[in-house]
N, C-alpha and C. Protein backbone atom coordinates (compact mmCIF):
# COMPACT_ATOMS: atom_id res chain seq x y z
N UNK A 1 75.79 75.71 129.73
CA UNK A 1 76.58 74.91 128.90
C UNK A 1 75.73 73.74 128.35
N UNK A 2 75.94 73.49 127.10
CA UNK A 2 75.22 72.48 126.36
C UNK A 2 75.88 71.10 126.71
N UNK A 3 75.47 70.31 127.48
CA UNK A 3 76.07 69.09 127.97
C UNK A 3 76.21 68.05 126.85
N UNK A 4 75.21 67.95 125.81
CA UNK A 4 75.36 66.99 124.75
C UNK A 4 76.50 67.35 123.93
N UNK A 5 76.63 68.62 123.59
CA UNK A 5 77.61 69.26 122.75
C UNK A 5 78.93 69.02 123.45
N UNK A 6 79.02 69.25 124.60
CA UNK A 6 80.27 69.17 125.47
C UNK A 6 80.85 67.74 125.43
N UNK A 7 79.90 66.81 125.69
CA UNK A 7 80.48 65.39 125.50
C UNK A 7 80.81 64.94 124.20
N UNK A 8 80.11 65.42 123.24
CA UNK A 8 80.46 65.09 121.78
C UNK A 8 81.74 65.65 121.51
N UNK A 9 82.01 67.04 121.97
CA UNK A 9 83.33 67.62 121.60
C UNK A 9 84.53 66.88 122.40
N UNK A 10 84.20 66.49 123.63
CA UNK A 10 85.23 65.84 124.45
C UNK A 10 85.63 64.49 123.80
N UNK A 11 84.70 63.78 123.14
CA UNK A 11 85.01 62.54 122.39
C UNK A 11 85.78 62.81 121.13
N UNK A 12 85.30 63.72 120.40
CA UNK A 12 85.90 63.96 119.08
C UNK A 12 87.33 64.57 119.41
N UNK A 13 87.61 65.44 120.28
CA UNK A 13 88.89 66.06 120.44
C UNK A 13 89.74 65.10 120.99
N UNK A 14 89.33 64.08 121.99
CA UNK A 14 90.11 63.16 122.56
C UNK A 14 90.65 62.11 121.40
N UNK A 15 89.76 61.79 120.39
CA UNK A 15 90.14 61.00 119.37
C UNK A 15 91.26 61.67 118.56
N UNK A 16 90.95 62.90 118.35
CA UNK A 16 91.99 63.68 117.44
C UNK A 16 93.22 63.71 118.18
N UNK A 17 93.47 63.97 119.49
CA UNK A 17 94.72 63.91 120.08
C UNK A 17 95.31 62.57 120.12
N UNK A 18 94.58 61.45 120.42
CA UNK A 18 95.13 60.11 120.49
C UNK A 18 95.71 59.75 119.12
N UNK A 19 94.99 59.95 118.09
CA UNK A 19 95.28 59.68 116.65
C UNK A 19 96.47 60.55 116.24
N UNK A 20 96.41 61.86 116.65
CA UNK A 20 97.61 62.68 116.34
C UNK A 20 98.83 62.38 117.10
N UNK A 21 98.77 61.73 118.32
CA UNK A 21 99.91 61.29 119.12
C UNK A 21 100.57 60.22 118.42
N UNK A 22 99.84 59.14 118.05
CA UNK A 22 100.47 58.04 117.41
C UNK A 22 100.96 58.33 116.05
N UNK A 23 100.20 59.23 115.29
CA UNK A 23 100.84 59.72 114.07
C UNK A 23 102.00 60.39 114.14
N UNK A 24 102.30 61.32 115.08
CA UNK A 24 103.45 61.96 115.34
C UNK A 24 104.71 60.95 115.56
N UNK A 25 104.30 60.09 116.46
CA UNK A 25 105.26 58.97 116.91
C UNK A 25 105.88 58.40 115.62
N UNK A 26 104.89 57.89 114.68
CA UNK A 26 105.31 57.32 113.41
C UNK A 26 106.05 58.15 112.43
N UNK A 27 105.60 59.48 112.52
CA UNK A 27 106.33 60.41 111.56
C UNK A 27 107.79 60.72 112.08
N UNK A 28 107.84 60.86 113.39
CA UNK A 28 109.18 61.15 113.95
C UNK A 28 110.03 59.87 113.93
N UNK A 29 109.53 58.72 114.00
CA UNK A 29 110.28 57.43 113.77
C UNK A 29 110.82 57.47 112.29
N UNK A 30 109.81 57.66 111.41
CA UNK A 30 110.30 57.52 110.00
C UNK A 30 111.39 58.69 109.66
N UNK A 31 111.28 59.85 110.28
CA UNK A 31 112.16 60.90 109.94
C UNK A 31 113.43 60.77 110.61
N UNK A 32 113.54 60.43 111.92
CA UNK A 32 114.83 60.41 112.61
C UNK A 32 115.40 59.10 112.82
N UNK A 33 114.54 58.04 112.64
CA UNK A 33 114.99 56.72 112.70
C UNK A 33 115.04 56.28 114.30
N UNK A 34 115.75 55.14 114.38
CA UNK A 34 115.80 54.59 115.80
C UNK A 34 117.14 54.54 116.41
N UNK A 35 118.16 55.13 115.77
CA UNK A 35 119.51 55.05 116.17
C UNK A 35 119.90 56.29 116.86
N UNK A 36 121.14 56.86 116.61
CA UNK A 36 121.75 57.92 117.31
C UNK A 36 120.91 59.14 116.88
N UNK A 37 120.29 59.17 115.75
CA UNK A 37 119.57 60.45 115.21
C UNK A 37 118.36 60.65 116.08
N UNK A 38 117.72 59.60 116.67
CA UNK A 38 116.56 59.67 117.38
C UNK A 38 116.79 60.37 118.88
N UNK A 39 118.03 60.41 119.38
CA UNK A 39 118.40 61.02 120.52
C UNK A 39 119.17 62.30 120.44
N UNK A 40 119.14 62.83 119.34
CA UNK A 40 119.92 64.14 119.06
C UNK A 40 119.08 65.26 119.61
N UNK A 41 119.71 66.46 119.83
CA UNK A 41 119.06 67.54 120.34
C UNK A 41 117.87 68.01 119.35
N UNK A 42 118.16 68.03 118.12
CA UNK A 42 117.18 68.44 117.12
C UNK A 42 115.92 67.62 117.29
N UNK A 43 116.04 66.22 117.33
CA UNK A 43 114.98 65.43 117.48
C UNK A 43 114.11 65.53 118.66
N UNK A 44 114.83 65.88 119.86
CA UNK A 44 114.09 66.09 121.09
C UNK A 44 113.42 67.48 121.09
N UNK A 45 113.98 68.45 120.52
CA UNK A 45 113.29 69.79 120.43
C UNK A 45 112.08 69.74 119.42
N UNK A 46 112.29 68.95 118.30
CA UNK A 46 111.14 68.83 117.38
C UNK A 46 110.10 68.13 118.04
N UNK A 47 110.30 67.04 118.77
CA UNK A 47 109.31 66.20 119.44
C UNK A 47 108.58 67.23 120.46
N UNK A 48 109.22 67.93 121.29
CA UNK A 48 108.63 68.77 122.25
C UNK A 48 107.80 69.82 121.71
N UNK A 49 108.11 70.41 120.58
CA UNK A 49 107.30 71.39 119.87
C UNK A 49 106.20 70.72 119.27
N UNK A 50 106.27 69.59 118.61
CA UNK A 50 105.24 68.84 117.96
C UNK A 50 104.11 68.45 118.97
N UNK A 51 104.61 67.91 120.01
CA UNK A 51 103.60 67.36 120.87
C UNK A 51 102.95 68.52 121.80
N UNK A 52 103.75 69.52 121.95
CA UNK A 52 103.24 70.79 122.52
C UNK A 52 102.04 71.37 121.75
N UNK A 53 102.21 71.49 120.52
CA UNK A 53 101.14 72.00 119.49
C UNK A 53 99.97 71.13 119.46
N UNK A 54 100.27 69.81 119.50
CA UNK A 54 99.17 68.77 119.33
C UNK A 54 98.23 68.92 120.59
N UNK A 55 98.99 69.04 121.72
CA UNK A 55 98.11 68.98 122.92
C UNK A 55 97.33 70.29 123.35
N UNK A 56 97.79 71.39 122.62
CA UNK A 56 97.17 72.72 122.73
C UNK A 56 96.19 72.93 121.69
N UNK A 57 96.19 72.18 120.72
CA UNK A 57 95.09 72.26 119.64
C UNK A 57 93.63 72.39 120.16
N UNK A 58 93.18 71.40 120.96
CA UNK A 58 91.83 71.60 121.35
C UNK A 58 91.58 72.89 122.11
N UNK A 59 92.45 73.18 123.11
CA UNK A 59 92.22 74.45 123.85
C UNK A 59 92.23 75.79 122.99
N UNK A 60 93.20 75.71 121.97
CA UNK A 60 93.20 76.92 120.90
C UNK A 60 91.91 76.94 120.11
N UNK A 61 91.34 75.78 119.75
CA UNK A 61 90.11 75.63 118.98
C UNK A 61 88.95 76.05 119.93
N UNK A 62 89.01 75.78 121.14
CA UNK A 62 87.92 76.07 122.16
C UNK A 62 87.98 77.61 122.17
N UNK A 63 88.97 78.28 122.35
CA UNK A 63 89.16 79.76 122.57
C UNK A 63 88.62 80.30 121.18
N UNK A 64 89.08 79.92 120.12
CA UNK A 64 88.66 80.40 118.77
C UNK A 64 87.10 80.42 118.70
N UNK A 65 86.50 79.18 118.93
CA UNK A 65 85.03 78.99 119.02
C UNK A 65 84.37 79.89 119.94
N UNK A 66 84.92 79.99 121.12
CA UNK A 66 84.38 80.88 122.23
C UNK A 66 84.20 82.31 121.70
N UNK A 67 85.24 82.79 121.00
CA UNK A 67 85.18 84.15 120.42
C UNK A 67 84.23 84.51 119.35
N UNK A 68 84.02 83.32 118.47
CA UNK A 68 83.27 83.58 117.35
C UNK A 68 81.75 83.03 117.35
N UNK A 69 81.46 82.28 118.23
CA UNK A 69 80.05 81.67 118.41
C UNK A 69 79.24 82.83 119.14
N UNK A 70 78.05 83.04 118.55
CA UNK A 70 77.16 84.01 119.17
C UNK A 70 76.33 83.46 120.34
N UNK A 71 76.12 82.30 120.35
CA UNK A 71 75.32 81.62 121.40
C UNK A 71 76.25 81.18 122.66
N UNK A 72 76.08 81.75 123.75
CA UNK A 72 77.11 81.64 124.86
C UNK A 72 77.06 80.31 125.51
N UNK A 73 75.74 79.63 125.32
CA UNK A 73 75.89 78.22 125.92
C UNK A 73 76.90 77.38 125.09
N UNK A 74 76.75 77.49 123.83
CA UNK A 74 77.58 76.60 122.91
C UNK A 74 79.11 77.01 123.18
N UNK A 75 79.34 78.41 123.19
CA UNK A 75 80.63 78.82 123.34
C UNK A 75 81.28 78.32 124.62
N UNK A 76 80.66 78.22 125.78
CA UNK A 76 81.21 77.66 126.89
C UNK A 76 81.43 76.16 126.81
N UNK A 77 80.66 75.40 126.04
CA UNK A 77 80.77 73.94 125.80
C UNK A 77 82.12 73.92 125.03
N UNK A 78 82.42 74.70 124.00
CA UNK A 78 83.74 74.67 123.21
C UNK A 78 84.83 74.88 124.05
N UNK A 79 84.87 75.80 124.92
CA UNK A 79 85.96 76.31 125.67
C UNK A 79 86.27 75.29 126.85
N UNK A 80 85.20 74.71 127.46
CA UNK A 80 85.44 73.96 128.59
C UNK A 80 85.80 72.44 128.06
N UNK A 81 85.43 72.02 127.01
CA UNK A 81 85.79 70.72 126.38
C UNK A 81 87.29 70.87 125.89
N UNK A 82 87.65 71.99 125.26
CA UNK A 82 89.08 71.97 124.85
C UNK A 82 89.98 72.11 126.14
N UNK A 83 89.62 72.87 127.10
CA UNK A 83 90.36 72.96 128.28
C UNK A 83 90.56 71.67 128.97
N UNK A 84 89.37 70.78 128.92
CA UNK A 84 89.46 69.51 129.71
C UNK A 84 90.33 68.48 128.89
N UNK A 85 90.12 68.48 127.72
CA UNK A 85 90.84 67.57 126.74
C UNK A 85 92.53 67.78 126.86
N UNK A 86 92.74 69.22 126.90
CA UNK A 86 94.19 69.57 126.96
C UNK A 86 94.76 69.17 128.16
N UNK A 87 94.11 69.48 129.49
CA UNK A 87 94.56 69.13 130.72
C UNK A 87 94.76 67.53 130.79
N UNK A 88 93.72 66.72 130.54
CA UNK A 88 93.82 65.37 130.63
C UNK A 88 94.95 64.68 129.71
N UNK A 89 94.84 65.16 128.51
CA UNK A 89 95.84 64.53 127.52
C UNK A 89 97.25 64.94 127.89
N UNK A 90 97.55 66.13 128.47
CA UNK A 90 98.81 66.50 129.07
C UNK A 90 99.29 65.75 130.21
N UNK A 91 98.30 65.40 131.04
CA UNK A 91 98.69 64.47 132.16
C UNK A 91 98.84 63.13 131.68
N UNK A 92 98.00 62.57 130.89
CA UNK A 92 97.99 61.23 130.52
C UNK A 92 99.29 60.89 129.64
N UNK A 93 99.58 61.74 128.76
CA UNK A 93 100.73 61.48 127.89
C UNK A 93 102.05 62.06 128.40
N UNK A 94 102.07 62.65 129.64
CA UNK A 94 103.30 63.27 130.38
C UNK A 94 103.93 64.30 129.60
N UNK A 95 103.13 65.37 129.27
CA UNK A 95 103.68 66.44 128.58
C UNK A 95 104.74 67.23 129.54
N UNK A 96 105.78 67.44 129.07
CA UNK A 96 106.82 68.29 129.94
C UNK A 96 107.36 69.47 129.27
N UNK A 97 106.35 70.18 128.72
CA UNK A 97 106.80 71.48 127.96
C UNK A 97 106.61 72.66 128.98
């Protein structure tokens, strides 16, 4: 495993998840508002699906790169960094999917 690439990917993917998390909160607030519409079943389902996709993106990216990269040291770095970011972000943001 390439440690330098691994740490760089962890930092970049973590920033992606954090920015995406706050971006989704802003988008959902602008779309559903803060009143009764924000607590509707449609809003809750949309939120769960959106955050589920956001948190699984680094792992899916790691799997894709793992299958397509010819150098196995780099491939393991992509896979492990995606898995680490997915697990930590799911725990930190309290993903209940």
